[in-house]
Amino acid sequence: MSLEEKFDSAKDQVAGKAKEAEGKITGDESKEAEGKAQGFLGKVKDAITDVKDNVKDTVEGMKNDSEK
């Protein structure tokens, strides 16, 4: 996972938590839902990056195995 990807997903998760907390404090259900969605987006980005990294590692492993 690149540093940029880590930062992007962490940013979404933190911003989502902040919006969710703001929504709970102010009673704004829309803001709370928006925060939950943004936090979920950050988690999805993490998962996608993990899958991408696993595929990359698998392909590199297959290349190395075929070169033997």
N, C-alpha and C. Protein backbone atom coordinates (compact mmCIF):
# COMPACT_ATOMS: atom_id res chain seq x y z
N MET A 1 0.86 -1.17 0.00
CA MET A 1 0.00 0.00 0.00
C MET A 1 0.90 1.22 0.00
N SER A 2 0.69 2.07 -0.94
CA SER A 2 1.52 3.27 -1.00
C SER A 2 1.12 4.24 0.10
N LEU A 3 2.04 5.12 0.39
CA LEU A 3 1.79 6.12 1.43
C LEU A 3 0.60 6.99 1.07
N GLU A 4 0.48 7.33 -0.20
CA GLU A 4 -0.65 8.16 -0.66
C GLU A 4 -1.98 7.44 -0.45
N GLU A 5 -2.02 6.14 -0.75
CA GLU A 5 -3.24 5.37 -0.57
C GLU A 5 -3.60 5.24 0.91
N LYS A 6 -2.59 5.02 1.75
CA LYS A 6 -2.83 4.94 3.20
C LYS A 6 -3.40 6.26 3.72
N PHE A 7 -2.79 7.35 3.28
CA PHE A 7 -3.23 8.67 3.72
C PHE A 7 -4.67 8.93 3.28
N ASP A 8 -4.97 8.59 2.04
CA ASP A 8 -6.31 8.84 1.49
C ASP A 8 -7.38 8.06 2.24
N SER A 9 -7.12 6.80 2.50
CA SER A 9 -8.13 6.01 3.22
C SER A 9 -8.24 6.45 4.67
N ALA A 10 -7.11 6.78 5.29
CA ALA A 10 -7.15 7.25 6.69
C ALA A 10 -7.89 8.59 6.78
N LYS A 11 -7.66 9.44 5.79
CA LYS A 11 -8.34 10.75 5.77
C LYS A 11 -9.86 10.57 5.72
N ASP A 12 -10.30 9.65 4.87
CA ASP A 12 -11.74 9.39 4.77
C ASP A 12 -12.29 8.83 6.07
N GLN A 13 -11.54 7.93 6.69
CA GLN A 13 -12.02 7.33 7.94
C GLN A 13 -12.10 8.38 9.06
N VAL A 14 -11.08 9.22 9.18
CA VAL A 14 -11.07 10.24 10.23
C VAL A 14 -12.15 11.29 9.98
N ALA A 15 -12.25 11.75 8.73
CA ALA A 15 -13.27 12.74 8.41
C ALA A 15 -14.67 12.16 8.63
N GLY A 16 -14.83 10.90 8.29
CA GLY A 16 -16.12 10.25 8.49
C GLY A 16 -16.49 10.17 9.97
N LYS A 17 -15.52 9.81 10.80
CA LYS A 17 -15.78 9.75 12.24
C LYS A 17 -16.14 11.13 12.78
N ALA A 18 -15.44 12.16 12.30
CA ALA A 18 -15.72 13.53 12.77
C ALA A 18 -17.14 13.95 12.38
N LYS A 19 -17.52 13.68 11.13
CA LYS A 19 -18.87 14.04 10.68
C LYS A 19 -19.93 13.25 11.45
N GLU A 20 -19.64 11.98 11.68
CA GLU A 20 -20.58 11.14 12.42
C GLU A 20 -20.77 11.68 13.84
N ALA A 21 -19.67 12.04 14.49
CA ALA A 21 -19.74 12.60 15.85
C ALA A 21 -20.48 13.93 15.85
N GLU A 22 -20.19 14.78 14.86
CA GLU A 22 -20.88 16.07 14.75
C GLU A 22 -22.39 15.85 14.60
N GLY A 23 -22.74 14.88 13.76
CA GLY A 23 -24.15 14.59 13.55
C GLY A 23 -24.84 14.10 14.81
N LYS A 24 -24.14 13.27 15.58
CA LYS A 24 -24.72 12.77 16.84
C LYS A 24 -24.90 13.90 17.84
N ILE A 25 -23.89 14.76 17.94
CA ILE A 25 -23.93 15.87 18.90
C ILE A 25 -25.04 16.86 18.56
N THR A 26 -25.17 17.18 17.28
CA THR A 26 -26.14 18.19 16.87
C THR A 26 -27.52 17.60 16.57
N GLY A 27 -27.61 16.27 16.56
CA GLY A 27 -28.89 15.63 16.24
C GLY A 27 -29.19 15.63 14.75
N ASP A 28 -28.17 15.87 13.93
CA ASP A 28 -28.33 15.90 12.47
C ASP A 28 -28.10 14.49 11.92
N GLU A 29 -29.20 13.77 11.71
CA GLU A 29 -29.09 12.39 11.24
C GLU A 29 -28.46 12.30 9.86
N SER A 30 -28.69 13.30 9.03
CA SER A 30 -28.11 13.31 7.70
C SER A 30 -26.58 13.40 7.77
N LYS A 31 -26.08 14.28 8.62
CA LYS A 31 -24.63 14.44 8.79
C LYS A 31 -24.02 13.17 9.38
N GLU A 32 -24.75 12.57 10.32
CA GLU A 32 -24.28 11.33 10.94
C GLU A 32 -24.17 10.21 9.89
N ALA A 33 -25.19 10.09 9.05
CA ALA A 33 -25.19 9.07 7.99
C ALA A 33 -24.08 9.34 6.98
N GLU A 34 -23.89 10.62 6.65
CA GLU A 34 -22.82 10.99 5.72
C GLU A 34 -21.46 10.59 6.29
N GLY A 35 -21.27 10.81 7.58
CA GLY A 35 -20.03 10.43 8.24
C GLY A 35 -19.81 8.93 8.23
N LYS A 36 -20.85 8.18 8.50
CA LYS A 36 -20.74 6.72 8.46
C LYS A 36 -20.37 6.25 7.07
N ALA A 37 -21.00 6.84 6.06
CA ALA A 37 -20.71 6.46 4.68
C ALA A 37 -19.26 6.79 4.31
N GLN A 38 -18.78 7.95 4.73
CA GLN A 38 -17.42 8.34 4.41
C GLN A 38 -16.41 7.43 5.13
N GLY A 39 -16.70 7.08 6.35
CA GLY A 39 -15.84 6.15 7.08
C GLY A 39 -15.81 4.79 6.42
N PHE A 40 -16.97 4.34 5.96
CA PHE A 40 -17.05 3.07 5.25
C PHE A 40 -16.24 3.13 3.96
N LEU A 41 -16.30 4.26 3.26
CA LEU A 41 -15.54 4.44 2.04
C LEU A 41 -14.05 4.27 2.31
N GLY A 42 -13.58 4.84 3.41
CA GLY A 42 -12.17 4.69 3.77
C GLY A 42 -11.79 3.25 4.01
N LYS A 43 -12.68 2.49 4.66
CA LYS A 43 -12.42 1.07 4.90
C LYS A 43 -12.42 0.29 3.59
N VAL A 44 -13.31 0.64 2.68
CA VAL A 44 -13.37 -0.02 1.38
C VAL A 44 -12.08 0.26 0.60
N LYS A 45 -11.61 1.50 0.65
CA LYS A 45 -10.36 1.83 -0.03
C LYS A 45 -9.21 1.00 0.53
N ASP A 46 -9.18 0.80 1.84
CA ASP A 46 -8.16 -0.06 2.45
C ASP A 46 -8.24 -1.47 1.90
N ALA A 47 -9.45 -2.01 1.85
CA ALA A 47 -9.65 -3.38 1.38
C ALA A 47 -9.24 -3.52 -0.09
N ILE A 48 -9.60 -2.55 -0.91
CA ILE A 48 -9.25 -2.60 -2.33
C ILE A 48 -7.73 -2.56 -2.50
N THR A 49 -7.09 -1.72 -1.73
CA THR A 49 -5.63 -1.63 -1.81
C THR A 49 -4.98 -2.93 -1.36
N ASP A 50 -5.52 -3.54 -0.32
CA ASP A 50 -5.00 -4.83 0.14
C ASP A 50 -5.12 -5.90 -0.95
N VAL A 51 -6.28 -5.94 -1.61
CA VAL A 51 -6.48 -6.90 -2.69
C VAL A 51 -5.50 -6.62 -3.83
N LYS A 52 -5.36 -5.35 -4.17
CA LYS A 52 -4.43 -4.97 -5.23
C LYS A 52 -3.00 -5.41 -4.90
N ASP A 53 -2.59 -5.19 -3.66
CA ASP A 53 -1.25 -5.59 -3.22
C ASP A 53 -1.09 -7.11 -3.27
N ASN A 54 -2.13 -7.84 -2.86
CA ASN A 54 -2.06 -9.31 -2.89
C ASN A 54 -1.95 -9.83 -4.31
N VAL A 55 -2.71 -9.23 -5.22
CA VAL A 55 -2.65 -9.64 -6.63
C VAL A 55 -1.26 -9.35 -7.18
N LYS A 56 -0.73 -8.19 -6.87
CA LYS A 56 0.62 -7.82 -7.34
C LYS A 56 1.65 -8.81 -6.81
N ASP A 57 1.57 -9.15 -5.52
CA ASP A 57 2.51 -10.10 -4.94
C ASP A 57 2.38 -11.48 -5.59
N THR A 58 1.15 -11.90 -5.86
CA THR A 58 0.92 -13.20 -6.48
C THR A 58 1.50 -13.24 -7.89
N VAL A 59 1.26 -12.18 -8.65
CA VAL A 59 1.79 -12.12 -10.02
C VAL A 59 3.31 -12.12 -9.99
N GLU A 60 3.91 -11.36 -9.08
CA GLU A 60 5.37 -11.35 -8.98
C GLU A 60 5.90 -12.72 -8.59
N GLY A 61 5.19 -13.39 -7.68
CA GLY A 61 5.58 -14.74 -7.29
C GLY A 61 5.51 -15.72 -8.44
N MET A 62 4.46 -15.59 -9.25
CA MET A 62 4.31 -16.46 -10.41
C MET A 62 5.42 -16.20 -11.42
N LYS A 63 5.78 -14.93 -11.60
CA LYS A 63 6.88 -14.59 -12.52
C LYS A 63 8.17 -15.22 -12.04
N ASN A 64 8.43 -15.10 -10.74
CA ASN A 64 9.66 -15.66 -10.18
C ASN A 64 9.67 -17.18 -10.31
N ASP A 65 8.52 -17.82 -10.09
CA ASP A 65 8.44 -19.28 -10.23
C ASP A 65 8.66 -19.72 -11.67
N SER A 66 8.17 -18.96 -12.62
CA SER A 66 8.30 -19.35 -14.03
C SER A 66 9.72 -19.12 -14.55
N GLU A 67 10.48 -18.26 -13.88
CA GLU A 67 11.86 -17.99 -14.28
C GLU A 67 12.82 -19.05 -13.78
N LYS A 68 12.36 -19.91 -12.87
CA LYS A 68 13.26 -20.94 -12.29
C LYS A 68 13.45 -22.09 -13.23
